[in-house]
Protein backbone atom coordinates (compact mmCIF):
# COMPACT_ATOMS: atom_id res chain seq x y z
CA UNK A 1 -27.17 62.26 -62.54
CA UNK A 2 -23.48 60.73 -62.14
CA UNK A 3 -23.75 61.44 -58.46
CA UNK A 4 -26.80 59.43 -57.66
CA UNK A 5 -26.46 55.55 -56.91
CA UNK A 6 -28.34 53.11 -59.05
CA UNK A 7 -31.28 51.24 -57.66
CA UNK A 8 -30.37 48.31 -55.92
CA UNK A 9 -31.67 45.18 -57.57
CA UNK A 10 -31.97 41.42 -56.41
CA UNK A 11 -28.71 40.58 -58.09
CA UNK A 12 -26.63 43.10 -56.34
CA UNK A 13 -27.90 41.86 -53.01
CA UNK A 14 -27.73 38.09 -53.96
CA UNK A 15 -25.21 35.86 -51.94
CA UNK A 16 -23.00 35.48 -55.18
CA UNK A 17 -22.51 39.27 -55.28
CA UNK A 18 -21.69 39.41 -51.52
CA UNK A 19 -19.20 36.85 -52.22
CA UNK A 20 -17.60 38.41 -55.17
CA UNK A 21 -17.60 41.76 -53.33
CA UNK A 22 -15.64 39.98 -50.41
CA UNK A 23 -13.24 38.37 -52.76
CA UNK A 24 -12.63 41.88 -54.48
CA UNK A 25 -12.05 43.19 -51.13
CA UNK A 26 -9.52 40.55 -50.04
CA UNK A 27 -7.66 40.99 -53.40
CA UNK A 28 -7.56 44.85 -52.97
CA UNK A 29 -6.21 44.27 -49.30
CA UNK A 30 -3.57 41.71 -50.56
CA UNK A 31 -2.30 44.26 -53.07
CA UNK A 32 -2.30 46.96 -50.87
CA UNK A 33 -0.08 44.71 -48.42
CA UNK A 34 2.02 43.80 -51.29
CA UNK A 35 2.70 47.36 -52.31
CA UNK A 36 3.40 48.15 -48.51
CA UNK A 37 6.02 45.31 -48.31
CA UNK A 38 7.71 46.69 -51.47
CA UNK A 39 7.81 50.09 -50.23
CA UNK A 40 9.28 48.88 -47.05
CA UNK A 41 12.03 46.79 -48.65
CA UNK A 42 12.95 49.63 -51.00
CA UNK A 43 13.19 52.03 -47.94
CA UNK A 44 15.34 49.41 -46.24
CA UNK A 45 17.53 49.62 -49.38
CA UNK A 46 17.84 53.46 -49.23
CA UNK A 47 18.44 53.62 -45.47
CA UNK A 48 21.19 51.09 -45.41
CA UNK A 49 22.82 52.57 -48.67
CA UNK A 50 22.82 56.25 -47.39
CA UNK A 51 23.99 55.20 -43.79
CA UNK A 52 26.98 53.42 -45.46
CA UNK A 53 27.55 56.51 -47.68
CA UNK A 54 27.59 58.88 -44.53
CA UNK A 55 30.00 56.59 -42.66
CA UNK A 56 32.29 56.13 -45.49
CA UNK A 57 32.29 59.78 -46.12
CA UNK A 58 33.26 60.84 -42.52
CA UNK A 59 35.81 58.05 -42.52
CA UNK A 60 37.70 60.33 -44.90
CA UNK A 61 38.02 63.06 -42.23
CA UNK A 62 37.92 61.18 -39.13
CA UNK A 63 39.85 58.17 -37.42
CA UNK A 64 38.12 54.76 -38.11
CA UNK A 65 37.52 53.93 -34.51
CA UNK A 66 35.71 57.14 -33.93
CA UNK A 67 33.73 56.59 -36.96
CA UNK A 68 32.81 53.01 -35.93
CA UNK A 69 32.20 53.85 -32.26
CA UNK A 70 29.88 56.83 -32.62
CA UNK A 71 27.77 55.32 -35.66
CA UNK A 72 27.29 51.87 -33.67
CA UNK A 73 26.50 53.42 -30.45
CA UNK A 74 24.02 55.89 -31.83
CA UNK A 75 21.82 52.75 -33.01
CA UNK A 76 21.74 51.13 -29.75
CA UNK A 77 18.85 52.93 -28.11
CA UNK A 78 16.53 52.82 -31.34
CA UNK A 79 17.53 49.01 -31.61
CA UNK A 80 16.92 48.47 -27.88
CA UNK A 81 13.34 50.18 -28.28
CA UNK A 82 12.54 47.87 -31.10
CA UNK A 83 13.73 44.78 -29.37
CA UNK A 84 11.70 45.65 -26.08
CA UNK A 85 8.79 46.31 -28.38
CA UNK A 86 8.84 42.78 -29.48
CA UNK A 87 9.07 41.53 -25.86
CA UNK A 88 11.83 39.85 -23.80
CA UNK A 89 12.83 36.54 -24.95
CA UNK A 90 12.55 33.64 -22.60
CA UNK A 91 15.40 31.86 -24.17
CA UNK A 92 18.68 33.56 -24.46
CA UNK A 93 20.48 30.78 -26.58
CA UNK A 94 21.14 33.31 -29.26
CA UNK A 95 23.40 35.12 -26.86
CA UNK A 96 26.80 33.59 -28.08
CA UNK A 97 25.63 34.04 -31.62
CA UNK A 98 24.97 37.60 -31.07
CA UNK A 99 28.37 38.33 -29.38
CA UNK A 100 30.36 36.45 -32.64
CA UNK A 101 28.20 38.59 -34.82
CA UNK A 102 29.77 41.61 -33.34
CA UNK A 103 33.13 40.49 -34.34
CA UNK A 104 32.25 39.56 -37.66
CA UNK A 105 30.26 42.71 -38.30
CA UNK A 106 32.74 45.02 -37.12
CA UNK A 107 35.29 43.22 -39.56
CA UNK A 108 32.94 44.19 -42.29
CA UNK A 109 32.31 47.64 -41.23
CA UNK A 110 35.86 48.67 -40.54
CA UNK A 111 37.06 47.30 -44.00
CA UNK A 112 33.94 48.81 -45.86
CA UNK A 113 34.66 52.26 -44.21
CA UNK A 114 38.48 52.04 -44.86
CA UNK A 115 37.88 51.08 -48.37
CA UNK A 116 35.59 54.13 -48.92
CA UNK A 117 38.17 56.32 -47.46
CA UNK A 118 41.01 55.09 -49.86
CA UNK A 119 38.94 54.13 -53.01
CA UNK A 120 35.93 54.83 -54.90
CA UNK A 121 32.79 54.37 -53.03
CA UNK A 122 30.89 53.38 -56.18
CA UNK A 123 33.16 50.40 -56.54
CA UNK A 124 33.90 49.35 -52.68
CA UNK A 125 30.01 49.43 -51.87
CA UNK A 126 28.95 46.86 -54.56
CA UNK A 127 31.89 44.62 -54.02
CA UNK A 128 31.26 44.57 -50.20
CA UNK A 129 27.47 43.43 -51.02
CA UNK A 130 28.94 40.37 -52.69
CA UNK A 131 29.50 38.78 -49.27
CA UNK A 132 25.93 37.19 -49.91
CA UNK A 133 28.10 34.53 -52.00
CA UNK A 134 29.50 33.15 -48.45
CA UNK A 135 26.04 32.02 -47.11
CA UNK A 136 25.45 30.03 -50.11
CA UNK A 137 28.88 28.42 -50.07
CA UNK A 138 28.36 27.57 -46.41
CA UNK A 139 24.94 26.23 -47.14
CA UNK A 140 26.41 24.01 -49.93
CA UNK A 141 28.98 22.83 -47.37
CA UNK A 142 26.31 21.91 -44.83
CA UNK A 143 24.15 19.89 -47.24
CA UNK A 144 21.69 22.79 -48.49
CA UNK A 145 21.31 22.79 -52.31
CA UNK A 146 21.14 26.25 -53.88
CA UNK A 147 18.81 27.27 -56.56
CA UNK A 148 19.88 27.51 -60.29
CA UNK A 149 19.39 31.18 -59.59
CA UNK A 150 21.53 31.36 -56.76
CA UNK A 151 24.32 29.72 -58.56
CA UNK A 152 23.96 32.18 -61.66
CA UNK A 153 23.93 34.68 -59.13
CA UNK A 154 27.25 33.50 -57.52
CA UNK A 155 28.91 33.57 -61.08
CA UNK A 156 27.67 37.04 -61.95
CA UNK A 157 28.88 38.26 -58.47
CA UNK A 158 32.26 36.78 -58.84
CA UNK A 159 32.50 38.24 -62.47
CA UNK A 160 31.40 41.69 -61.21
CA UNK A 161 34.08 41.66 -58.58
CA UNK A 162 36.78 40.70 -60.82
CA UNK A 163 35.87 43.23 -63.37
CA UNK A 164 34.93 46.14 -61.12
CA UNK A 165 38.08 45.63 -59.17
CA UNK A 166 40.48 46.41 -62.25
CA UNK A 167 41.70 49.97 -62.36
CA UNK A 168 40.61 52.28 -65.15
CA UNK A 169 42.67 54.27 -67.45
CA UNK A 170 44.38 57.33 -66.14
CA UNK A 171 41.97 60.38 -66.38
CA UNK A 172 42.16 64.22 -66.12
CA UNK A 173 45.86 64.20 -65.59
CA UNK A 174 45.99 61.44 -62.67
CA UNK A 175 49.13 59.54 -63.00
CA UNK A 176 48.48 55.79 -63.80
CA UNK A 177 50.28 54.79 -60.62
CA UNK A 178 48.62 56.63 -58.10
CA UNK A 179 45.17 56.04 -59.73
CA UNK A 180 45.75 52.43 -60.03
CA UNK A 181 46.97 52.17 -56.49
CA UNK A 182 43.93 53.96 -55.12
CA UNK A 183 41.54 51.66 -56.77
CA UNK A 184 43.50 48.64 -55.99
CA UNK A 185 43.28 49.61 -52.21
CA UNK A 186 39.52 50.33 -52.25
CA UNK A 187 38.86 46.88 -54.09
CA UNK A 188 40.83 44.91 -51.71
CA UNK A 189 39.20 46.50 -48.67
CA UNK A 190 35.89 45.84 -50.52
CA UNK A 191 36.70 42.27 -50.64
CA UNK A 192 37.81 42.14 -47.01
CA UNK A 193 34.51 43.61 -46.08
CA UNK A 194 32.61 41.13 -48.35
CA UNK A 195 34.21 38.38 -46.23
CA UNK A 196 33.26 40.07 -43.01
CA UNK A 197 29.61 40.72 -44.01
CA UNK A 198 29.36 37.28 -45.58
CA UNK A 199 30.27 35.62 -42.22
CA UNK A 200 28.06 38.00 -40.26
CA UNK A 201 25.11 36.79 -42.46
CA UNK A 202 25.67 33.14 -41.36
CA UNK A 203 26.23 33.92 -37.67
CA UNK A 204 23.14 36.09 -37.66
CA UNK A 205 21.17 33.57 -39.30
CA UNK A 206 21.86 30.97 -36.54
CA UNK A 207 21.30 33.62 -34.06
CA UNK A 208 17.97 34.40 -35.34
CA UNK A 209 17.04 30.53 -35.44
CA UNK A 210 18.02 30.37 -31.80
CA UNK A 211 16.00 33.39 -31.02
CA UNK A 212 12.76 32.01 -32.60
CA UNK A 213 13.14 33.92 -36.00
CA UNK A 214 13.35 37.11 -34.07
CA UNK A 215 16.18 39.55 -35.52
CA UNK A 216 15.84 42.27 -33.12
CA UNK A 217 17.61 40.94 -29.88
CA UNK A 218 20.45 39.24 -31.66
CA UNK A 219 21.18 42.70 -33.56
CA UNK A 220 20.76 44.40 -30.28
CA UNK A 221 23.30 41.97 -28.65
CA UNK A 222 25.60 42.64 -31.79
CA UNK A 223 25.43 46.21 -31.58
CA UNK A 224 25.90 46.37 -27.88
CA UNK A 225 28.93 44.12 -27.63
CA UNK A 226 30.30 46.17 -30.68
CA UNK A 227 30.13 49.41 -28.87
CA UNK A 228 31.81 47.89 -25.72
CA UNK A 229 34.58 46.65 -27.86
CA UNK A 230 35.15 49.94 -29.77
CA UNK A 231 35.15 51.69 -26.39
CA UNK A 232 38.20 49.19 -25.33
CA UNK A 233 39.72 50.11 -28.66
CA UNK A 234 39.25 53.72 -28.18
CA UNK A 235 40.73 53.57 -24.55
CA UNK A 236 43.67 51.68 -25.96
CA UNK A 237 44.28 53.73 -29.04
CA UNK A 238 42.90 57.11 -27.98
CA UNK A 239 41.75 58.21 -31.38
CA UNK A 240 40.63 61.77 -31.91
CA UNK A 241 37.05 61.67 -30.47
CA UNK A 242 36.43 65.63 -30.63
CA UNK A 243 34.54 66.46 -33.85
CA UNK A 244 32.12 69.34 -34.99
CA UNK A 245 28.46 68.82 -34.16
CA UNK A 246 27.72 68.36 -37.84
CA UNK A 247 30.02 65.33 -37.98
CA UNK A 248 28.70 64.08 -34.88
CA UNK A 249 25.04 64.46 -36.12
CA UNK A 250 26.00 62.89 -39.36
CA UNK A 251 27.49 59.78 -37.58
CA UNK A 252 24.40 59.37 -35.33
CA UNK A 253 22.18 59.98 -38.44
CA UNK A 254 24.18 56.94 -39.96
CA UNK A 255 23.73 54.54 -37.09
CA UNK A 256 20.01 55.57 -36.91
CA UNK A 257 19.60 54.77 -40.66
CA UNK A 258 21.28 51.34 -40.40
CA UNK A 259 19.09 50.30 -37.34
CA UNK A 260 15.96 51.80 -39.29
CA UNK A 261 17.07 49.72 -42.25
CA UNK A 262 16.79 46.43 -40.16
CA UNK A 263 13.51 47.33 -38.94
CA UNK A 264 12.20 48.34 -42.24
CA UNK A 265 13.62 45.08 -43.79
CA UNK A 266 12.11 42.91 -40.84
CA UNK A 267 8.68 44.46 -41.45
CA UNK A 268 8.96 43.74 -45.33
CA UNK A 269 9.78 40.14 -45.01
CA UNK A 270 6.66 39.55 -42.93
CA UNK A 271 4.37 41.41 -45.16
CA UNK A 272 3.52 38.68 -47.37
CA UNK A 273 6.03 39.42 -50.48
CA UNK A 274 8.35 36.53 -49.63
CA UNK A 275 11.74 36.66 -51.05
CA UNK A 276 11.16 39.80 -53.00
CA UNK A 277 11.84 41.46 -49.57
CA UNK A 278 15.49 40.15 -49.60
CA UNK A 279 15.81 40.94 -53.24
CA UNK A 280 14.73 44.58 -53.11
CA UNK A 281 16.85 45.32 -49.95
CA UNK A 282 19.87 43.83 -51.45
CA UNK A 283 19.76 46.76 -53.71
CA UNK A 284 21.19 49.17 -51.25
CA UNK A 285 24.50 49.70 -53.02
CA UNK A 286 22.58 51.47 -55.69
CA UNK A 287 21.73 54.29 -53.24
CA UNK A 288 25.34 54.48 -52.25
CA UNK A 289 26.60 54.76 -55.80
CA UNK A 290 23.93 57.48 -56.57
CA UNK A 291 24.99 59.58 -53.56
CA UNK A 292 28.58 59.00 -54.40
CA UNK A 293 27.93 60.49 -57.97
CA UNK A 294 25.75 63.22 -56.78
CA UNK A 295 27.98 64.69 -54.03
CA UNK A 296 31.45 63.37 -54.90
CA UNK A 297 31.21 63.38 -58.83
CA UNK A 298 32.54 59.79 -58.87
CA UNK A 299 32.78 58.31 -62.49
CA UNK A 300 33.33 54.81 -63.47
CA UNK A 301 34.78 53.53 -66.60
CA UNK A 302 32.77 51.26 -69.10
CA UNK A 303 34.12 47.99 -67.72
CA UNK A 304 33.89 49.07 -64.06
CA UNK A 305 30.31 50.02 -64.46
CA UNK A 306 29.72 46.74 -66.17
CA UNK A 307 31.54 44.97 -63.21
CA UNK A 308 29.21 46.85 -60.77
CA UNK A 309 26.06 46.08 -62.54
CA UNK A 310 27.13 42.25 -62.80
CA UNK A 311 27.89 42.31 -58.99
CA UNK A 312 24.52 43.74 -58.21
CA UNK A 313 22.81 41.46 -60.39
CA UNK A 314 24.52 38.48 -58.72
CA UNK A 315 23.51 39.65 -55.36
CA UNK A 316 19.84 40.11 -56.28
CA UNK A 317 19.71 36.40 -57.82
CA UNK A 318 21.30 35.19 -54.61
CA UNK A 319 18.63 36.87 -52.44
CA UNK A 320 15.96 35.35 -54.51
CA UNK A 321 15.36 31.93 -52.70
């Protein structure tokens, strides 16, 4: 009996019933699109955080120019495919901004990977994410008015950086001087990374505007120019480029994850979830911290954990426009 459909009545076939069914279908479609956007944004956060962790981890064993060169070059083919899929732009006014973004992006990445090499990844990653403060400040200087949530986010981010940067008490027999110096170095590089990433966000915003809100071609130009610059640096410094197949594959994966995160975020931002895409994507340090906890057994003091949470909360509020 439960498997047999009920006989149709005039009410079920009336125009009102058809209209209600259509509304239900549209609501179900909107809900599915929203859930897909959330999934895409969270996936971008996981991809960004995982790529940062892998590059930072390899930065403890390989020269910094090598890590930067391989991870940047590995993402160029995928970024090129994504850009061509969107179509070749008719206006290349974004080109100077893309070139400038390569310098600011390399600044941020070099400081981030160096900080992860000499300090705790769980502290350096969230500090670097507070570079989101800089676009808010630049917007304020150019006449934009930040929302109250963004203002609160800036305050929380700065508080988090101040607290998370403080060295914890010596543990497990580690001397106070060595432990404090290690954390101080990591935190200082995290701040340098935040400055570089913050300027990168500003430049990339102008580049995307010049490209008609298309982020793919500006990012492609940025990665291609970065690769060329790093090749020049490698030719001058001659860092050790020979590495095991595992290390090369890991760095290639890191570069691919970074490009994938850009594509996932771009898809999420056009899925109808609005500013929630930026908010969820800004949680990428959580995956970095989780991986550092699982594979490196990194532990934070209570104060440092509070600072990390405060910094991440600030980034989320800043991303909520």
